[in-house]
Amino acid sequence: MRAERVGRDTLLAQIVALVAQAQRSRAPIQTTADRVAAVFVPAVIAVAVTAFAIWASVGPEPRLAYALVNAVAVLIIACPCALGLATPMSVMVAMGRAATAGVLFRDAEALETLRRVDTLVVDKTGTLTEGAPRLVSVQPAPGWDEAGLLRVAAALETGSEHPIGEAIVAGARARGARPAPCDGFEALAGQGVVGRVEGRAALAGSAEFLSGRGVDARAFASRADALRAEARSVVFVAVDGGVAGLLAVADPIKETSAAALDALRSAGLRIVMLTGDHPATARAVATRLGIEEVEAGVLPADKAEHVAKLQAAGRVVAMAGDGINDAPALARADVGIAMGTGTDIAIEAAGVTLVGGDLRGIARARRLSRATLQNIRQNLVFAFSYNALGVPIAAGALYPALGLLLHPMIAAAAMSLSSVSVIANALRLRSAKI
C-alpha cells in the first residue's frame, strides 16, 4: 500500500478547508444589512435619548425611573443580533447542505451569483466526457506498421500531460509497443507535440498542426472525418516530413451529462460547448447531448476571451471545466465550476467544485443558491420588522392609549427570541430540496 497524500493534502482535508473557508465568507447581500446597520444604530440611540427626554419631562412620577427604564428597554430590544445573524447563519447552513450534495463553494459570493447565471460554458474532455480516453484505432500509413507507428507516437506523448497523450502511451504499452527514446521534446498547448525520436524529426497533433510545419496530411482526411463522426479524437503522426499514420482516441460521454444538460436547459440556461478538439468531433458529441452552440478548435489561451465576449454581451456566465487549460476561463467567468476529478489548478481557479464531477450538481447548486437568498431575505425582513415594531413599544408608544410598558427583562427575552427565530429559519436549509 502507498499513501499518495496525507494530512492536509488529502481530499477530505481539502473539502473540510473549503467548506470552513466558505462558511466564514461574506455574501454580497450582507452589504445591504451593513448599510442599514450604519443608519440603524445611530437611529436607535437617538430614539432611546428622545424617549428618556420625553419621559423625564412629561411622564408620570417617578419620571426619572420611567425615563431610565424605557430608554434601556429601547437599547435592549433593538440590539441587532437578529440582523447580524440573518446572512451568516443562512450561508453557513447552505455551505454544509451543499457539501452533503457533493458541491463545494469557495465563498458566499459564488453561492449568491450562481442563481443569476443565464449561460453555461462547458468544456468537453473530462467535463461532458469521462476524461479517461482510450486508444481505439491505429491506422499506419503505407510503409509503416502498427508497432512502429505506436513506438514513435508513444515516444512523443510520454512527456505530454494531456489525457489524449496519456491514452496513446497506455494504448501502445497495452499492445506491446515500447516507447522509443525522445529528445528535444516540446508541447504546444492545444496543438501537438514535437521531438526527435531515434534521431528522426517527429510530430504528433492535429492536421492543422502538421500543415503548419510543412506536412501534408490531406490523403488521410477522409479516414479522419469518418473517425470524428463517431465522436473520436484523431491524432496525426509524422516522421521526417511525411505522415506515418493516425491514431483515434475515444472518450465516452458521462452517463449523467445528458440528464444534467436537459435539467439546465429546462431551467432556462443557454449551453455553449467550448473545446480545443476538432469541430467534427465536437459536433458529434454536441449532437448526442443536444447542444446547439459549439466553439471548437479553441486554443487554451482563447477560452477566457470567449467567456469575456459572452459577458460583454450582457450574459452572466458560468464556466465548467477540469483541466489546466480551463483555469483562465474558470477565473474569468462570473462563476467558475471545476470538476473534482480534474486538476488542482482548475479547482483552485474555480468558485464551485463538483466533488464527483457530476454536472447535475450545477442544477442542485443553483436551486440551493435561490433557496439560500430567499432564506436570507426572510431573515432580514423578520429582523427589520421585529425592530420596527419592538422599538416604538419599548419607547412607550402604547402607554398613552393602553397603559402598557415593556420591561427591560421582557425586552431582553424578546430580543433573544428574535435571534432564535432567525437561526431556526436558517436551519430549514438543511432539509431544502435541491
Protein backbone atom coordinates (compact mmCIF):
# COMPACT_ATOMS: atom_id res chain seq x y z
CA MET A 1 0.00 0.00 0.00
CA ARG A 2 1.20 3.52 -0.79
CA ALA A 3 -0.14 6.77 0.70
CA GLU A 4 -0.26 9.28 -2.14
CA ARG A 5 -1.47 12.17 0.04
CA VAL A 6 -1.51 12.63 3.79
CA GLY A 7 -2.67 15.23 6.30
CA ARG A 8 -3.91 18.50 4.86
CA ASP A 9 -3.20 17.33 1.28
CA THR A 10 -5.89 14.64 1.34
CA LEU A 11 -9.20 15.16 -0.45
CA LEU A 12 -11.13 15.05 2.83
CA ALA A 13 -8.91 17.72 4.40
CA GLN A 14 -9.30 19.94 1.33
CA ILE A 15 -13.09 19.54 1.43
CA VAL A 16 -13.17 20.47 5.12
CA ALA A 17 -10.94 23.50 4.47
CA LEU A 18 -13.07 24.70 1.55
CA VAL A 19 -16.32 24.38 3.50
CA ALA A 20 -14.83 26.18 6.52
CA GLN A 21 -13.49 28.97 4.31
CA ALA A 22 -16.84 29.38 2.55
CA GLN A 23 -18.77 29.45 5.82
CA ARG A 24 -16.58 32.33 7.04
CA SER A 25 -17.02 34.37 3.86
CA ARG A 26 -19.49 37.21 3.35
CA ALA A 27 -22.23 37.23 0.75
CA PRO A 28 -22.64 40.48 -1.23
CA ILE A 29 -26.17 40.79 0.16
CA GLN A 30 -24.55 41.27 3.56
CA THR A 31 -23.60 44.79 2.46
CA THR A 32 -27.31 45.66 2.49
CA ALA A 33 -27.53 44.73 6.14
CA ASP A 34 -24.30 46.63 6.83
CA ARG A 35 -25.65 49.80 5.21
CA VAL A 36 -28.87 49.54 7.19
CA ALA A 37 -26.95 48.92 10.41
CA ALA A 38 -24.87 52.03 9.78
CA VAL A 39 -28.09 54.06 9.97
CA PHE A 40 -29.95 51.81 12.38
CA VAL A 41 -27.56 52.05 15.34
CA PRO A 42 -27.45 55.88 15.49
CA ALA A 43 -31.23 55.96 14.97
CA VAL A 44 -31.84 53.62 17.91
CA ILE A 45 -29.58 55.67 20.16
CA ALA A 46 -31.48 58.77 19.09
CA VAL A 47 -34.81 57.08 19.88
CA ALA A 48 -33.53 55.99 23.31
CA VAL A 49 -32.33 59.53 24.11
CA THR A 50 -35.61 61.00 22.86
CA ALA A 51 -37.65 58.52 24.92
CA PHE A 52 -35.59 59.37 28.02
CA ALA A 53 -36.13 63.10 27.48
CA ILE A 54 -39.89 62.80 26.92
CA TRP A 55 -40.45 60.52 29.92
CA ALA A 56 -38.24 62.66 32.09
CA SER A 57 -40.10 65.86 31.16
CA VAL A 58 -43.78 64.88 30.80
CA GLY A 59 -44.01 61.31 32.13
CA PRO A 60 -45.73 60.21 35.34
CA GLU A 61 -43.88 60.11 38.61
CA PRO A 62 -41.28 58.86 39.28
CA ARG A 63 -40.30 60.42 35.94
CA LEU A 64 -36.60 59.67 36.09
CA ALA A 65 -37.22 55.98 36.82
CA TYR A 66 -39.66 55.68 33.92
CA ALA A 67 -37.28 57.53 31.64
CA LEU A 68 -34.35 55.28 32.52
CA VAL A 69 -36.33 52.02 32.25
CA ASN A 70 -37.83 52.85 28.84
CA ALA A 71 -34.55 54.11 27.40
CA VAL A 72 -32.81 50.90 28.49
CA ALA A 73 -35.68 48.81 27.06
CA VAL A 74 -35.22 50.53 23.68
CA LEU A 75 -31.49 49.78 23.65
CA ILE A 76 -32.02 46.14 24.66
CA ILE A 77 -34.80 45.26 22.25
CA ALA A 78 -33.00 46.98 19.37
CA CYS A 79 -29.79 45.02 19.90
CA PRO A 80 -29.17 43.98 16.26
CA CYS A 81 -28.40 40.32 16.98
CA ALA A 82 -31.08 39.04 14.58
CA LEU A 83 -29.88 41.47 11.92
CA GLY A 84 -26.28 40.34 12.35
CA LEU A 85 -27.20 36.65 12.21
CA ALA A 86 -29.54 36.89 9.22
CA THR A 87 -26.92 36.41 6.48
CA PRO A 88 -24.04 34.40 8.04
CA MET A 89 -26.37 31.78 9.54
CA SER A 90 -28.02 31.08 6.19
CA VAL A 91 -24.63 30.98 4.43
CA MET A 92 -23.15 28.59 6.99
CA VAL A 93 -26.08 26.17 6.80
CA ALA A 94 -26.17 26.36 2.98
CA MET A 95 -22.48 25.52 2.68
CA GLY A 96 -22.94 22.44 4.81
CA ARG A 97 -26.01 21.42 2.83
CA ALA A 98 -24.10 21.86 -0.45
CA ALA A 99 -21.20 19.75 0.80
CA THR A 100 -23.53 16.85 1.59
CA ALA A 101 -24.75 17.07 -2.02
CA GLY A 102 -21.21 16.92 -3.42
CA VAL A 103 -20.94 20.65 -4.18
CA LEU A 104 -18.22 22.82 -2.61
CA PHE A 105 -18.47 26.62 -2.73
CA ARG A 106 -15.26 28.58 -2.30
CA ASP A 107 -17.10 31.60 -0.91
CA ALA A 108 -20.53 33.08 -0.33
CA GLU A 109 -20.20 35.32 -3.38
CA ALA A 110 -20.20 32.29 -5.68
CA LEU A 111 -23.27 30.97 -3.87
CA GLU A 112 -25.13 34.24 -4.39
CA THR A 113 -24.02 34.80 -8.00
CA LEU A 114 -24.88 31.30 -9.24
CA ARG A 115 -28.63 31.95 -9.11
CA ARG A 116 -28.22 34.77 -11.68
CA VAL A 117 -26.25 32.72 -14.19
CA ASP A 118 -28.01 32.50 -17.57
CA THR A 119 -25.22 30.98 -19.71
CA LEU A 120 -23.19 27.86 -19.03
CA VAL A 121 -19.98 27.30 -20.99
CA VAL A 122 -18.77 23.70 -20.78
CA ASP A 123 -15.51 22.09 -21.75
CA LYS A 124 -15.76 18.70 -23.45
CA THR A 125 -12.97 16.43 -22.27
CA GLY A 126 -13.34 15.49 -18.62
CA THR A 127 -16.45 17.63 -18.19
CA LEU A 128 -19.02 16.24 -20.58
CA THR A 129 -16.95 13.12 -21.14
CA GLU A 130 -15.35 10.82 -18.59
CA GLY A 131 -11.91 12.30 -19.13
CA ALA A 132 -10.41 8.82 -19.42
CA PRO A 133 -9.83 8.44 -23.19
CA ARG A 134 -8.75 5.13 -24.70
CA LEU A 135 -6.81 4.37 -27.85
CA VAL A 136 -9.32 2.62 -30.11
CA SER A 137 -7.85 2.76 -33.62
CA VAL A 138 -4.35 2.66 -35.13
CA GLN A 139 -4.07 3.28 -38.88
CA PRO A 140 -0.48 3.22 -40.21
CA ALA A 141 0.46 4.91 -43.48
CA PRO A 142 1.99 2.82 -46.32
CA GLY A 143 5.49 1.77 -45.31
CA TRP A 144 4.65 1.74 -41.62
CA ASP A 145 3.29 -0.99 -39.38
CA GLU A 146 1.24 -0.63 -36.23
CA ALA A 147 4.14 -1.39 -33.87
CA GLY A 148 6.42 1.18 -35.48
CA LEU A 149 3.74 3.88 -35.51
CA LEU A 150 2.90 3.29 -31.86
CA ARG A 151 6.58 3.26 -30.91
CA VAL A 152 7.05 6.77 -32.34
CA ALA A 153 3.71 8.14 -31.07
CA ALA A 154 4.28 6.83 -27.55
CA ALA A 155 7.80 8.29 -27.54
CA LEU A 156 6.40 11.75 -28.32
CA GLU A 157 3.47 11.54 -25.93
CA THR A 158 5.41 10.18 -22.95
CA GLY A 159 6.30 13.73 -21.99
CA SER A 160 2.77 15.06 -22.51
CA GLU A 161 0.34 15.73 -19.66
CA HIS A 162 -2.70 15.81 -21.94
CA PRO A 163 -5.25 12.98 -21.38
CA ILE A 164 -5.12 12.05 -25.06
CA GLY A 165 -1.34 11.72 -24.88
CA GLU A 166 -1.61 9.56 -21.79
CA ALA A 167 -4.19 7.38 -23.58
CA ILE A 168 -1.84 6.88 -26.53
CA VAL A 169 1.03 5.85 -24.27
CA ALA A 170 -1.20 3.45 -22.32
CA GLY A 171 -2.67 2.02 -25.52
CA ALA A 172 0.78 1.49 -27.04
CA ARG A 173 2.00 -0.37 -24.00
CA ALA A 174 -1.14 -2.47 -23.91
CA ARG A 175 -0.40 -3.50 -27.50
CA GLY A 176 3.18 -4.41 -26.62
CA ALA A 177 4.86 -1.34 -28.17
CA ARG A 178 7.59 0.19 -26.02
CA PRO A 179 8.18 3.96 -26.43
CA ALA A 180 11.41 4.84 -28.21
CA PRO A 181 13.83 7.40 -26.74
CA CYS A 182 12.81 11.00 -27.47
CA ASP A 183 14.99 14.12 -27.43
CA GLY A 184 14.08 17.79 -27.76
CA PHE A 185 10.50 17.24 -26.64
CA GLU A 186 8.22 20.27 -26.83
CA ALA A 187 4.47 20.53 -26.24
CA LEU A 188 2.48 23.31 -27.88
CA ALA A 189 -0.71 23.78 -25.88
CA GLY A 190 -3.80 22.80 -27.81
CA GLN A 191 -1.86 21.90 -30.96
CA GLY A 192 0.54 18.98 -30.62
CA VAL A 193 3.98 17.77 -29.62
CA VAL A 194 7.36 17.66 -31.37
CA GLY A 195 10.64 15.90 -30.74
CA ARG A 196 13.38 13.73 -32.19
CA VAL A 197 12.72 10.01 -31.96
CA GLU A 198 15.76 7.85 -32.58
CA GLY A 199 17.34 10.76 -34.40
CA ARG A 200 14.34 11.45 -36.66
CA ALA A 201 12.16 14.58 -36.54
CA ALA A 202 8.68 13.58 -35.36
CA LEU A 203 5.38 15.38 -34.83
CA ALA A 204 2.04 14.38 -33.32
CA GLY A 205 -1.09 16.51 -33.29
CA SER A 206 -3.88 17.86 -35.47
CA ALA A 207 -3.80 18.04 -39.26
CA GLU A 208 -3.56 21.84 -38.99
CA PHE A 209 -0.57 21.49 -36.71
CA LEU A 210 1.19 19.23 -39.21
CA SER A 211 0.28 21.52 -42.10
CA GLY A 212 1.78 24.48 -40.28
CA ARG A 213 5.05 22.58 -40.15
CA GLY A 214 5.04 21.61 -43.81
CA VAL A 215 3.49 18.14 -43.56
CA ASP A 216 0.62 17.40 -45.97
CA ALA A 217 -1.98 15.11 -44.33
CA ARG A 218 -4.80 15.57 -46.86
CA ALA A 219 -4.53 11.96 -48.04
CA PHE A 220 -5.82 10.89 -44.63
CA ALA A 221 -8.64 13.46 -44.40
CA SER A 222 -11.45 11.04 -45.28
CA ARG A 223 -10.28 8.48 -42.72
CA ALA A 224 -10.03 11.18 -40.06
CA ASP A 225 -13.50 12.56 -40.84
CA ALA A 226 -15.04 9.10 -40.55
CA LEU A 227 -13.49 8.65 -37.11
CA ARG A 228 -14.53 12.13 -35.95
CA ALA A 229 -18.12 11.43 -36.98
CA GLU A 230 -18.03 8.70 -34.33
CA ALA A 231 -17.00 11.32 -31.71
CA ARG A 232 -13.39 10.20 -31.70
CA SER A 233 -10.37 12.48 -31.44
CA VAL A 234 -7.79 11.97 -34.18
CA VAL A 235 -4.03 12.44 -33.75
CA PHE A 236 -1.78 12.53 -36.80
CA VAL A 237 1.80 11.31 -36.53
CA ALA A 238 4.53 12.49 -38.92
CA VAL A 239 8.18 11.48 -39.22
CA ASP A 240 10.78 13.30 -41.31
CA GLY A 241 8.14 15.41 -43.07
CA GLY A 242 5.82 12.54 -44.04
CA VAL A 243 2.65 11.18 -42.42
CA ALA A 244 3.32 7.92 -40.58
CA GLY A 245 -0.32 7.29 -39.75
CA LEU A 246 -3.11 8.38 -37.49
CA LEU A 247 -4.48 7.33 -34.13
CA ALA A 248 -8.05 7.60 -32.84
CA VAL A 249 -8.90 8.08 -29.20
CA ALA A 250 -12.39 7.68 -27.74
CA ASP A 251 -13.58 9.38 -24.56
CA PRO A 252 -17.02 8.10 -23.54
CA ILE A 253 -19.68 10.65 -22.63
CA LYS A 254 -20.60 10.57 -18.95
CA GLU A 255 -23.87 8.80 -18.28
CA THR A 256 -25.12 11.80 -16.32
CA SER A 257 -24.22 14.52 -18.85
CA ALA A 258 -27.38 14.33 -20.97
CA ALA A 259 -29.72 14.45 -17.97
CA ALA A 260 -27.74 17.28 -16.40
CA LEU A 261 -27.86 19.43 -19.54
CA ASP A 262 -31.57 18.74 -20.02
CA ALA A 263 -32.24 19.94 -16.47
CA LEU A 264 -30.17 23.09 -17.01
CA ARG A 265 -31.88 23.88 -20.31
CA SER A 266 -35.26 23.42 -18.64
CA ALA A 267 -34.12 25.96 -16.04
CA GLY A 268 -33.56 28.47 -18.85
CA LEU A 269 -29.78 28.27 -19.22
CA ARG A 270 -28.04 28.77 -22.54
CA ILE A 271 -25.49 25.97 -23.07
CA VAL A 272 -22.28 26.56 -25.04
CA MET A 273 -19.59 23.92 -25.64
CA LEU A 274 -16.06 25.30 -25.75
CA THR A 275 -13.36 22.82 -26.74
CA GLY A 276 -9.98 22.59 -28.37
CA ASP A 277 -11.00 19.43 -30.20
CA HIS A 278 -11.68 19.22 -33.92
CA PRO A 279 -15.05 20.72 -35.00
CA ALA A 280 -16.30 17.39 -36.38
CA THR A 281 -15.57 15.53 -33.15
CA ALA A 282 -17.07 18.35 -31.09
CA ARG A 283 -20.23 18.41 -33.21
CA ALA A 284 -20.65 14.64 -32.86
CA VAL A 285 -20.55 14.93 -29.06
CA ALA A 286 -22.77 18.02 -29.09
CA THR A 287 -25.37 16.29 -31.24
CA ARG A 288 -25.62 13.39 -28.81
CA LEU A 289 -26.12 15.82 -25.93
CA GLY A 290 -28.47 18.23 -27.70
CA ILE A 291 -26.01 21.15 -27.56
CA GLU A 292 -26.64 23.64 -30.36
CA GLU A 293 -23.83 26.14 -29.77
CA VAL A 294 -20.33 24.76 -30.26
CA GLU A 295 -17.00 26.59 -30.37
CA ALA A 296 -14.35 24.06 -31.44
CA GLY A 297 -10.65 24.24 -32.15
CA VAL A 298 -10.25 26.84 -29.41
CA LEU A 299 -6.74 27.26 -28.05
CA PRO A 300 -6.35 27.28 -24.26
CA ALA A 301 -5.34 30.94 -24.25
CA ASP A 302 -8.51 31.88 -26.15
CA LYS A 303 -11.05 30.21 -23.87
CA ALA A 304 -11.09 33.14 -21.44
CA GLU A 305 -11.66 35.51 -24.38
CA HIS A 306 -14.77 33.58 -25.42
CA VAL A 307 -16.12 33.88 -21.89
CA ALA A 308 -15.36 37.61 -21.90
CA LYS A 309 -17.27 38.06 -25.18
CA LEU A 310 -20.37 36.48 -23.66
CA GLN A 311 -20.05 38.73 -20.62
CA ALA A 312 -19.67 41.78 -22.86
CA ALA A 313 -22.97 40.81 -24.49
CA GLY A 314 -24.64 41.08 -21.09
CA ARG A 315 -24.64 37.41 -20.13
CA VAL A 316 -23.93 36.13 -16.63
CA VAL A 317 -21.56 33.26 -17.38
CA ALA A 318 -20.61 30.09 -15.54
CA MET A 319 -17.72 28.07 -16.95
CA ALA A 320 -17.38 24.35 -16.21
CA GLY A 321 -14.06 22.64 -16.86
CA ASP A 322 -11.48 20.31 -15.38
CA GLY A 323 -8.09 20.90 -16.97
CA ILE A 324 -5.11 23.19 -16.60
CA ASN A 325 -6.05 24.87 -19.88
CA ASP A 326 -9.51 25.70 -18.47
CA ALA A 327 -8.14 27.61 -15.46
CA PRO A 328 -8.01 31.09 -17.10
CA ALA A 329 -11.60 30.76 -18.33
CA LEU A 330 -12.74 29.47 -14.93
CA ALA A 331 -11.20 32.50 -13.27
CA ARG A 332 -12.67 34.89 -15.88
CA ALA A 333 -16.25 33.60 -15.62
CA ASP A 334 -18.74 35.07 -13.16
CA VAL A 335 -18.77 31.62 -11.56
CA GLY A 336 -16.09 29.03 -12.30
CA ILE A 337 -17.16 25.41 -11.82
CA ALA A 338 -14.43 22.78 -11.58
CA MET A 339 -14.75 19.04 -11.72
CA GLY A 340 -13.45 17.48 -8.50
CA THR A 341 -11.98 14.73 -10.69
CA GLY A 342 -9.87 17.29 -12.58
CA THR A 343 -6.65 19.16 -11.92
CA ASP A 344 -5.76 21.05 -8.76
CA ILE A 345 -5.19 24.22 -10.79
CA ALA A 346 -8.73 24.15 -12.16
CA ILE A 347 -10.15 23.61 -8.67
CA GLU A 348 -8.06 26.48 -7.31
CA ALA A 349 -9.32 28.84 -10.03
CA ALA A 350 -12.99 27.95 -9.61
CA GLY A 351 -15.60 29.25 -7.21
CA VAL A 352 -17.52 25.97 -7.18
CA THR A 353 -16.21 22.40 -7.19
CA LEU A 354 -18.31 19.35 -8.08
CA VAL A 355 -16.69 16.65 -5.97
CA GLY A 356 -17.71 13.71 -8.14
CA GLY A 357 -17.53 15.58 -11.44
CA ASP A 358 -21.29 15.17 -11.94
CA LEU A 359 -22.78 18.10 -13.89
CA ARG A 360 -26.14 17.51 -12.21
CA GLY A 361 -24.50 19.21 -9.24
CA ILE A 362 -24.80 22.54 -11.11
CA ALA A 363 -28.59 22.34 -11.13
CA ARG A 364 -28.56 21.38 -7.45
CA ALA A 365 -26.22 24.27 -6.65
CA ARG A 366 -28.45 26.78 -8.47
CA ARG A 367 -31.52 25.58 -6.61
CA LEU A 368 -29.63 25.89 -3.32
CA SER A 369 -28.45 29.36 -4.32
CA ARG A 370 -32.03 30.51 -4.87
CA ALA A 371 -33.21 28.89 -1.64
CA THR A 372 -30.39 30.50 0.33
CA LEU A 373 -31.03 34.01 -0.96
CA GLN A 374 -34.74 33.60 -0.26
CA ASN A 375 -33.89 32.42 3.25
CA ILE A 376 -31.58 35.40 3.83
CA ARG A 377 -34.29 37.81 2.68
CA GLN A 378 -36.77 36.18 5.04
CA ASN A 379 -34.31 36.62 7.90
CA LEU A 380 -33.67 40.26 7.03
CA VAL A 381 -37.37 41.06 6.71
CA PHE A 382 -38.04 39.38 10.05
CA ALA A 383 -35.20 41.27 11.75
CA PHE A 384 -36.27 44.64 10.33
CA SER A 385 -39.94 44.05 11.09
CA TYR A 386 -39.14 42.96 14.62
CA ASN A 387 -37.19 46.15 15.30
CA ALA A 388 -39.74 48.35 13.56
CA LEU A 389 -42.43 47.05 15.94
CA GLY A 390 -40.34 46.49 19.05
CA VAL A 391 -38.56 49.85 19.33
CA PRO A 392 -41.71 52.03 19.47
CA ILE A 393 -43.33 49.70 22.01
CA ALA A 394 -40.20 49.72 24.16
CA ALA A 395 -40.16 53.53 23.96
CA GLY A 396 -43.68 53.59 25.42
CA ALA A 397 -45.81 54.25 22.35
CA LEU A 398 -48.67 52.12 23.75
CA TYR A 399 -48.67 53.74 27.19
CA PRO A 400 -50.97 56.73 26.43
CA ALA A 401 -53.70 54.51 24.92
CA LEU A 402 -53.35 51.19 26.76
CA GLY A 403 -51.12 51.95 29.72
CA LEU A 404 -48.65 49.27 28.61
CA LEU A 405 -44.91 49.42 29.10
CA LEU A 406 -42.20 46.94 28.09
CA HIS A 407 -39.99 45.94 30.98
CA PRO A 408 -36.26 45.59 30.07
CA MET A 409 -36.35 41.90 31.10
CA ILE A 410 -39.19 41.27 28.66
CA ALA A 411 -37.29 43.24 26.01
CA ALA A 412 -34.24 41.01 26.58
CA ALA A 413 -36.37 37.88 26.20
CA ALA A 414 -37.95 39.23 23.00
CA MET A 415 -34.51 40.09 21.59
CA SER A 416 -33.27 36.56 22.30
CA LEU A 417 -36.40 35.06 20.76
CA SER A 418 -35.82 37.05 17.54
CA SER A 419 -32.32 35.62 17.25
CA VAL A 420 -33.56 32.09 17.87
CA SER A 421 -36.22 32.60 15.20
CA VAL A 422 -33.62 33.67 12.63
CA ILE A 423 -31.45 30.66 13.46
CA ALA A 424 -34.43 28.30 13.22
CA ASN A 425 -35.36 29.72 9.82
CA ALA A 426 -31.77 29.35 8.55
CA LEU A 427 -31.67 25.72 9.70
CA ARG A 428 -34.57 24.94 7.36
CA LEU A 429 -31.99 24.97 4.56
CA ARG A 430 -30.67 21.66 5.86
CA SER A 431 -33.79 19.98 4.51
CA ALA A 432 -34.11 22.10 1.36
CA LYS A 433 -34.91 20.03 -1.72
CA ILE A 434 -32.11 20.55 -4.22
